[in-house]
């Protein structure tokens, strides 16, 4: 049946491409989560009226975040080719896409983290200070736990964006379902291949959204 409806689809290639997309997304989401939290904490803590208030550091970090958030991803990949070549040793394949994926997504998520931290009740922070809590205690026992539902929602949105980024990266040789849809589907005029790749990308997105929603509901105590 599948051979009749989808005559040009080579399922071994589809499986490999799906694995590459999941691999790129998973690694980049993991790195983006931690880098984004660091950036978000820096933006929040160094802003006016907060514990590490520092106008220079805040302005510098904000400028870096804004610059990398503003560059279209396909252009960012091209700009980072020398950097990618230097640290990965190649500009092709799933691993070669990771630097651009992480650098493109971490600033985006960092802003989400900053927004989530600003929503934390300042009274809770002041209460922790009055009880002699250290900076690390305030960060790990107050700020991050209180903002965790928003942080999970933010990383869910970012992960979905990263799936689309992997598809764009695939168009210039990073592998994955984007690469399959472009090389095997578009360039060879095999619409069935493009259709299958699109459906699989949608399934991955739906799974990410489902998992993110489940985790958010589980940890949201409001």
C-alpha atoms as a PDB file:
ATOM      1  CA  UNK A   1       0.000   0.000   0.000  1.00  0.00           C
ATOM      2  CA  UNK A   2       2.709   2.440   1.004  1.00  0.00           C
ATOM      3  CA  UNK A   3       4.699   1.545  -2.095  1.00  0.00           C
ATOM      4  CA  UNK A   4       1.717   2.580  -4.226  1.00  0.00           C
ATOM      5  CA  UNK A   5       0.851   5.797  -2.389  1.00  0.00           C
ATOM      6  CA  UNK A   6       4.445   6.837  -1.629  1.00  0.00           C
ATOM      7  CA  UNK A   7       6.544   5.308  -4.410  1.00  0.00           C
ATOM      8  CA  UNK A   8       9.590   7.538  -3.944  1.00  0.00           C
ATOM      9  CA  UNK A   9       9.899   7.272  -0.171  1.00  0.00           C
ATOM     10  CA  UNK A  10      12.902   5.259   1.012  1.00  0.00           C
ATOM     11  CA  UNK A  11      12.006   4.397   4.596  1.00  0.00           C
ATOM     12  CA  UNK A  12      15.564   3.703   5.729  1.00  0.00           C
ATOM     13  CA  UNK A  13      16.459   7.280   4.755  1.00  0.00           C
ATOM     14  CA  UNK A  14      13.325   8.575   6.473  1.00  0.00           C
ATOM     15  CA  UNK A  15      14.269   6.797   9.699  1.00  0.00           C
ATOM     16  CA  UNK A  16      17.833   8.146   9.563  1.00  0.00           C
ATOM     17  CA  UNK A  17      16.576  11.672   8.842  1.00  0.00           C
ATOM     18  CA  UNK A  18      14.064  11.486  11.710  1.00  0.00           C
ATOM     19  CA  UNK A  19      16.805  10.359  14.091  1.00  0.00           C
ATOM     20  CA  UNK A  20      19.022  13.260  12.982  1.00  0.00           C
ATOM     21  CA  UNK A  21      16.216  15.773  13.526  1.00  0.00           C
ATOM     22  CA  UNK A  22      15.417  14.390  16.991  1.00  0.00           C
ATOM     23  CA  UNK A  23      19.130  14.323  17.852  1.00  0.00           C
ATOM     24  CA  UNK A  24      19.725  17.939  16.762  1.00  0.00           C
ATOM     25  CA  UNK A  25      16.612  19.116  18.574  1.00  0.00           C
ATOM     26  CA  UNK A  26      17.327  17.234  21.814  1.00  0.00           C
ATOM     27  CA  UNK A  27      20.963  18.323  22.132  1.00  0.00           C
ATOM     28  CA  UNK A  28      20.247  21.934  21.234  1.00  0.00           C
ATOM     29  CA  UNK A  29      17.240  22.111  23.608  1.00  0.00           C
ATOM     30  CA  UNK A  30      19.355  20.742  26.471  1.00  0.00           C
ATOM     31  CA  UNK A  31      22.149  23.267  25.853  1.00  0.00           C
ATOM     32  CA  UNK A  32      19.704  26.117  25.195  1.00  0.00           C
ATOM     33  CA  UNK A  33      17.885  25.461  28.477  1.00  0.00           C
ATOM     34  CA  UNK A  34      21.006  25.935  30.589  1.00  0.00           C
ATOM     35  CA  UNK A  35      22.548  28.750  28.540  1.00  0.00           C
ATOM     36  CA  UNK A  36      19.208  30.541  28.387  1.00  0.00           C
ATOM     37  CA  UNK A  37      18.780  30.353  32.154  1.00  0.00           C
ATOM     38  CA  UNK A  38      22.274  31.802  32.635  1.00  0.00           C
ATOM     39  CA  UNK A  39      21.526  34.651  30.215  1.00  0.00           C
ATOM     40  CA  UNK A  40      18.106  35.256  31.749  1.00  0.00           C
ATOM     41  CA  UNK A  41      19.512  35.345  35.274  1.00  0.00           C
ATOM     42  CA  UNK A  42      22.211  37.792  34.202  1.00  0.00           C
ATOM     43  CA  UNK A  43      19.643  40.032  32.513  1.00  0.00           C
ATOM     44  CA  UNK A  44      17.356  39.922  35.546  1.00  0.00           C
ATOM     45  CA  UNK A  45      19.880  40.183  38.369  1.00  0.00           C
ATOM     46  CA  UNK A  46      21.926  43.004  36.792  1.00  0.00           C
ATOM     47  CA  UNK A  47      18.883  45.104  35.884  1.00  0.00           C
ATOM     48  CA  UNK A  48      17.907  48.221  37.841  1.00  0.00           C
ATOM     49  CA  UNK A  49      16.815  47.559  41.412  1.00  0.00           C
ATOM     50  CA  UNK A  50      17.967  43.956  41.540  1.00  0.00           C
ATOM     51  CA  UNK A  51      20.674  42.207  43.546  1.00  0.00           C
ATOM     52  CA  UNK A  52      23.546  42.455  41.053  1.00  0.00           C
ATOM     53  CA  UNK A  53      22.546  45.796  39.585  1.00  0.00           C
ATOM     54  CA  UNK A  54      25.194  46.720  37.035  1.00  0.00           C
ATOM     55  CA  UNK A  55      24.300  48.931  34.128  1.00  0.00           C
ATOM     56  CA  UNK A  56      27.347  48.034  32.004  1.00  0.00           C
ATOM     57  CA  UNK A  57      26.965  44.240  32.319  1.00  0.00           C
ATOM     58  CA  UNK A  58      23.210  44.449  31.803  1.00  0.00           C
ATOM     59  CA  UNK A  59      23.595  46.601  28.690  1.00  0.00           C
ATOM     60  CA  UNK A  60      26.301  44.330  27.275  1.00  0.00           C
ATOM     61  CA  UNK A  61      24.353  41.100  27.821  1.00  0.00           C
ATOM     62  CA  UNK A  62      21.155  42.708  26.511  1.00  0.00           C
ATOM     63  CA  UNK A  63      22.979  43.886  23.387  1.00  0.00           C
ATOM     64  CA  UNK A  64      24.410  40.413  22.707  1.00  0.00           C
ATOM     65  CA  UNK A  65      20.991  38.822  23.217  1.00  0.00           C
ATOM     66  CA  UNK A  66      19.259  41.351  20.970  1.00  0.00           C
ATOM     67  CA  UNK A  67      21.832  40.977  18.189  1.00  0.00           C
ATOM     68  CA  UNK A  68      21.622  37.188  18.008  1.00  0.00           C
ATOM     69  CA  UNK A  69      17.826  37.203  18.372  1.00  0.00           C
ATOM     70  CA  UNK A  70      17.569  39.586  15.434  1.00  0.00           C
ATOM     71  CA  UNK A  71      19.676  37.681  12.904  1.00  0.00           C
ATOM     72  CA  UNK A  72      17.573  35.397  10.647  1.00  0.00           C
ATOM     73  CA  UNK A  73      18.578  31.814  11.347  1.00  0.00           C
ATOM     74  CA  UNK A  74      19.597  30.936   7.792  1.00  0.00           C
ATOM     75  CA  UNK A  75      21.965  33.935   7.772  1.00  0.00           C
ATOM     76  CA  UNK A  76      23.294  33.011  11.217  1.00  0.00           C
ATOM     77  CA  UNK A  77      24.224  29.543   9.947  1.00  0.00           C
ATOM     78  CA  UNK A  78      26.238  31.083   7.129  1.00  0.00           C
ATOM     79  CA  UNK A  79      27.924  33.610   9.423  1.00  0.00           C
ATOM     80  CA  UNK A  80      28.940  30.845  11.821  1.00  0.00           C
ATOM     81  CA  UNK A  81      30.408  28.508   9.182  1.00  0.00           C
ATOM     82  CA  UNK A  82      34.050  29.360  10.061  1.00  0.00           C
ATOM     83  CA  UNK A  83      33.295  28.962  13.789  1.00  0.00           C
ATOM     84  CA  UNK A  84      31.495  25.668  13.139  1.00  0.00           C
ATOM     85  CA  UNK A  85      34.362  24.387  11.010  1.00  0.00           C
ATOM     86  CA  UNK A  86      36.841  25.304  13.756  1.00  0.00           C
ATOM     87  CA  UNK A  87      35.079  23.508  16.616  1.00  0.00           C
ATOM     88  CA  UNK A  88      33.336  20.618  14.829  1.00  0.00           C
ATOM     89  CA  UNK A  89      35.755  20.055  11.946  1.00  0.00           C
ATOM     90  CA  UNK A  90      33.051  20.059   9.273  1.00  0.00           C
ATOM     91  CA  UNK A  91      30.153  22.168   8.041  1.00  0.00           C
ATOM     92  CA  UNK A  92      28.013  19.171   7.042  1.00  0.00           C
ATOM     93  CA  UNK A  93      25.952  16.800   9.146  1.00  0.00           C
ATOM     94  CA  UNK A  94      23.883  16.988  12.316  1.00  0.00           C
ATOM     95  CA  UNK A  95      26.758  17.926  14.626  1.00  0.00           C
ATOM     96  CA  UNK A  96      27.699  20.840  12.374  1.00  0.00           C
ATOM     97  CA  UNK A  97      24.231  22.335  12.882  1.00  0.00           C
ATOM     98  CA  UNK A  98      24.459  22.352  16.688  1.00  0.00           C
ATOM     99  CA  UNK A  99      26.531  25.560  17.190  1.00  0.00           C
ATOM    100  CA  UNK A 100      24.150  27.638  15.069  1.00  0.00           C
ATOM    101  CA  UNK A 101      21.077  26.037  16.651  1.00  0.00           C
ATOM    102  CA  UNK A 102      22.291  26.736  20.188  1.00  0.00           C
ATOM    103  CA  UNK A 103      23.601  30.243  19.487  1.00  0.00           C
ATOM    104  CA  UNK A 104      20.384  31.092  17.660  1.00  0.00           C
ATOM    105  CA  UNK A 105      18.021  29.740  20.326  1.00  0.00           C
ATOM    106  CA  UNK A 106      19.762  30.534  23.642  1.00  0.00           C
ATOM    107  CA  UNK A 107      19.290  34.339  23.416  1.00  0.00           C
ATOM    108  CA  UNK A 108      15.651  33.833  22.422  1.00  0.00           C
ATOM    109  CA  UNK A 109      15.067  31.635  25.470  1.00  0.00           C
ATOM    110  CA  UNK A 110      17.168  33.933  27.663  1.00  0.00           C
ATOM    111  CA  UNK A 111      14.630  36.713  27.125  1.00  0.00           C
ATOM    112  CA  UNK A 112      11.831  34.318  28.062  1.00  0.00           C
ATOM    113  CA  UNK A 113      13.700  33.428  31.252  1.00  0.00           C
ATOM    114  CA  UNK A 114      14.113  37.115  32.123  1.00  0.00           C
ATOM    115  CA  UNK A 115      10.374  37.700  31.633  1.00  0.00           C
ATOM    116  CA  UNK A 116       9.551  34.651  33.777  1.00  0.00           C
ATOM    117  CA  UNK A 117      11.835  35.855  36.583  1.00  0.00           C
ATOM    118  CA  UNK A 118      10.239  39.298  36.542  1.00  0.00           C
ATOM    119  CA  UNK A 119       6.900  37.640  37.265  1.00  0.00           C
ATOM    120  CA  UNK A 120       8.178  36.219  40.571  1.00  0.00           C
ATOM    121  CA  UNK A 121       6.573  37.980  43.532  1.00  0.00           C
ATOM    122  CA  UNK A 122       9.120  40.456  44.893  1.00  0.00           C
ATOM    123  CA  UNK A 123       7.689  39.900  48.358  1.00  0.00           C
ATOM    124  CA  UNK A 124       8.923  36.305  48.284  1.00  0.00           C
ATOM    125  CA  UNK A 125      12.418  37.490  47.335  1.00  0.00           C
ATOM    126  CA  UNK A 126      12.433  40.122  50.086  1.00  0.00           C
ATOM    127  CA  UNK A 127      11.258  37.554  52.626  1.00  0.00           C
ATOM    128  CA  UNK A 128      14.136  35.254  51.669  1.00  0.00           C
ATOM    129  CA  UNK A 129      16.595  38.157  52.013  1.00  0.00           C
ATOM    130  CA  UNK A 130      15.241  39.088  55.434  1.00  0.00           C
ATOM    131  CA  UNK A 131      15.842  35.537  56.627  1.00  0.00           C
ATOM    132  CA  UNK A 132      19.500  35.794  55.598  1.00  0.00           C
ATOM    133  CA  UNK A 133      19.305  33.689  52.455  1.00  0.00           C
ATOM    134  CA  UNK A 134      22.444  33.703  50.324  1.00  0.00           C
ATOM    135  CA  UNK A 135      22.440  34.634  46.654  1.00  0.00           C
ATOM    136  CA  UNK A 136      22.640  30.997  45.575  1.00  0.00           C
ATOM    137  CA  UNK A 137      19.737  30.116  47.874  1.00  0.00           C
ATOM    138  CA  UNK A 138      17.612  32.914  46.426  1.00  0.00           C
ATOM    139  CA  UNK A 139      18.402  31.776  42.869  1.00  0.00           C
ATOM    140  CA  UNK A 140      17.958  28.023  43.354  1.00  0.00           C
ATOM    141  CA  UNK A 141      15.309  27.972  46.098  1.00  0.00           C
ATOM    142  CA  UNK A 142      13.204  31.003  45.181  1.00  0.00           C
ATOM    143  CA  UNK A 143      13.660  32.447  41.690  1.00  0.00           C
ATOM    144  CA  UNK A 144      13.963  29.263  39.624  1.00  0.00           C
ATOM    145  CA  UNK A 145      11.346  27.162  41.478  1.00  0.00           C
ATOM    146  CA  UNK A 146       8.808  30.003  41.505  1.00  0.00           C
ATOM    147  CA  UNK A 147       9.257  30.650  37.792  1.00  0.00           C
ATOM    148  CA  UNK A 148       9.574  27.001  36.722  1.00  0.00           C
ATOM    149  CA  UNK A 149       6.128  26.651  35.035  1.00  0.00           C
ATOM    150  CA  UNK A 150       6.919  29.681  32.847  1.00  0.00           C
ATOM    151  CA  UNK A 151      10.437  28.357  32.198  1.00  0.00           C
ATOM    152  CA  UNK A 152       9.054  25.013  31.007  1.00  0.00           C
ATOM    153  CA  UNK A 153       6.477  26.749  28.805  1.00  0.00           C
ATOM    154  CA  UNK A 154       9.272  28.887  27.368  1.00  0.00           C
ATOM    155  CA  UNK A 155      11.570  25.975  26.594  1.00  0.00           C
ATOM    156  CA  UNK A 156       8.625  24.182  24.955  1.00  0.00           C
ATOM    157  CA  UNK A 157       8.095  27.129  22.602  1.00  0.00           C
ATOM    158  CA  UNK A 158      11.854  27.285  21.989  1.00  0.00           C
ATOM    159  CA  UNK A 159      12.058  23.549  21.259  1.00  0.00           C
ATOM    160  CA  UNK A 160       9.327  23.872  18.641  1.00  0.00           C
ATOM    161  CA  UNK A 161      11.215  26.781  17.075  1.00  0.00           C
ATOM    162  CA  UNK A 162      14.351  24.619  17.073  1.00  0.00           C
ATOM    163  CA  UNK A 163      12.563  21.914  15.076  1.00  0.00           C
ATOM    164  CA  UNK A 164      11.909  24.490  12.364  1.00  0.00           C
ATOM    165  CA  UNK A 165      15.529  25.661  12.647  1.00  0.00           C
ATOM    166  CA  UNK A 166      16.743  22.091  12.024  1.00  0.00           C
ATOM    167  CA  UNK A 167      14.616  22.009   8.866  1.00  0.00           C
ATOM    168  CA  UNK A 168      16.284  25.204   7.626  1.00  0.00           C
ATOM    169  CA  UNK A 169      19.706  23.868   8.574  1.00  0.00           C
ATOM    170  CA  UNK A 170      18.937  20.706   6.608  1.00  0.00           C
ATOM    171  CA  UNK A 171      18.530  22.758   3.440  1.00  0.00           C
ATOM    172  CA  UNK A 172      22.259  23.552   3.522  1.00  0.00           C
ATOM    173  CA  UNK A 173      23.513  20.083   4.389  1.00  0.00           C
ATOM    174  CA  UNK A 174      22.900  19.592   8.106  1.00  0.00           C
ATOM    175  CA  UNK A 175      20.903  16.424   7.584  1.00  0.00           C
ATOM    176  CA  UNK A 176      17.559  15.609   9.139  1.00  0.00           C
ATOM    177  CA  UNK A 177      14.056  15.828   7.745  1.00  0.00           C
ATOM    178  CA  UNK A 178      14.673  19.285   6.289  1.00  0.00           C
ATOM    179  CA  UNK A 179      17.546  17.933   4.263  1.00  0.00           C
ATOM    180  CA  UNK A 180      15.428  14.981   3.135  1.00  0.00           C
ATOM    181  CA  UNK A 181      12.537  17.229   2.096  1.00  0.00           C
ATOM    182  CA  UNK A 182      14.840  19.557   0.179  1.00  0.00           C
ATOM    183  CA  UNK A 183      17.191  17.109  -1.573  1.00  0.00           C
ATOM    184  CA  UNK A 184      14.952  14.086  -2.050  1.00  0.00           C
ATOM    185  CA  UNK A 185      11.647  15.924  -2.219  1.00  0.00           C
ATOM    186  CA  UNK A 186      11.999  19.377  -3.722  1.00  0.00           C
ATOM    187  CA  UNK A 187      15.050  18.996  -5.957  1.00  0.00           C
ATOM    188  CA  UNK A 188      13.898  15.661  -7.396  1.00  0.00           C
ATOM    189  CA  UNK A 189      10.254  16.733  -7.559  1.00  0.00           C
ATOM    190  CA  UNK A 190       9.173  13.898  -5.268  1.00  0.00           C
ATOM    191  CA  UNK A 191       6.202  15.457  -3.509  1.00  0.00           C
ATOM    192  CA  UNK A 192       5.503  12.282  -1.534  1.00  0.00           C
ATOM    193  CA  UNK A 193       8.914  12.547   0.154  1.00  0.00           C
ATOM    194  CA  UNK A 194       8.232  16.167   1.072  1.00  0.00           C
ATOM    195  CA  UNK A 195       4.811  15.164   2.412  1.00  0.00           C
ATOM    196  CA  UNK A 196       6.218  12.404   4.630  1.00  0.00           C
ATOM    197  CA  UNK A 197       8.979  14.687   5.975  1.00  0.00           C
ATOM    198  CA  UNK A 198       6.419  17.395   6.759  1.00  0.00           C
ATOM    199  CA  UNK A 199       4.105  14.989   8.568  1.00  0.00           C
ATOM    200  CA  UNK A 200       6.972  13.664  10.680  1.00  0.00           C
ATOM    201  CA  UNK A 201       8.069  17.190  11.611  1.00  0.00           C
ATOM    202  CA  UNK A 202       4.483  17.963  12.665  1.00  0.00           C
ATOM    203  CA  UNK A 203       4.379  14.793  14.779  1.00  0.00           C
ATOM    204  CA  UNK A 204       7.628  15.786  16.521  1.00  0.00           C
ATOM    205  CA  UNK A 205       6.200  19.257  17.211  1.00  0.00           C
ATOM    206  CA  UNK A 206       2.951  17.817  18.616  1.00  0.00           C
ATOM    207  CA  UNK A 207       4.895  15.440  20.879  1.00  0.00           C
ATOM    208  CA  UNK A 208       7.069  18.294  22.198  1.00  0.00           C
ATOM    209  CA  UNK A 209       4.000  20.433  22.881  1.00  0.00           C
ATOM    210  CA  UNK A 210       2.237  17.553  24.633  1.00  0.00           C
ATOM    211  CA  UNK A 211       5.220  16.792  26.855  1.00  0.00           C
ATOM    212  CA  UNK A 212       5.719  20.483  27.654  1.00  0.00           C
ATOM    213  CA  UNK A 213       2.049  20.950  28.583  1.00  0.00           C
ATOM    214  CA  UNK A 214       2.084  17.844  30.791  1.00  0.00           C
ATOM    215  CA  UNK A 215       5.197  18.969  32.680  1.00  0.00           C
ATOM    216  CA  UNK A 216       3.862  22.506  33.091  1.00  0.00           C
ATOM    217  CA  UNK A 217       0.569  21.242  34.546  1.00  0.00           C
ATOM    218  CA  UNK A 218       2.422  18.878  36.880  1.00  0.00           C
ATOM    219  CA  UNK A 219       4.664  21.571  38.399  1.00  0.00           C
ATOM    220  CA  UNK A 220       2.239  24.504  38.383  1.00  0.00           C
ATOM    221  CA  UNK A 221       0.884  24.642  41.934  1.00  0.00           C
ATOM    222  CA  UNK A 222      -1.205  27.784  41.455  1.00  0.00           C
END
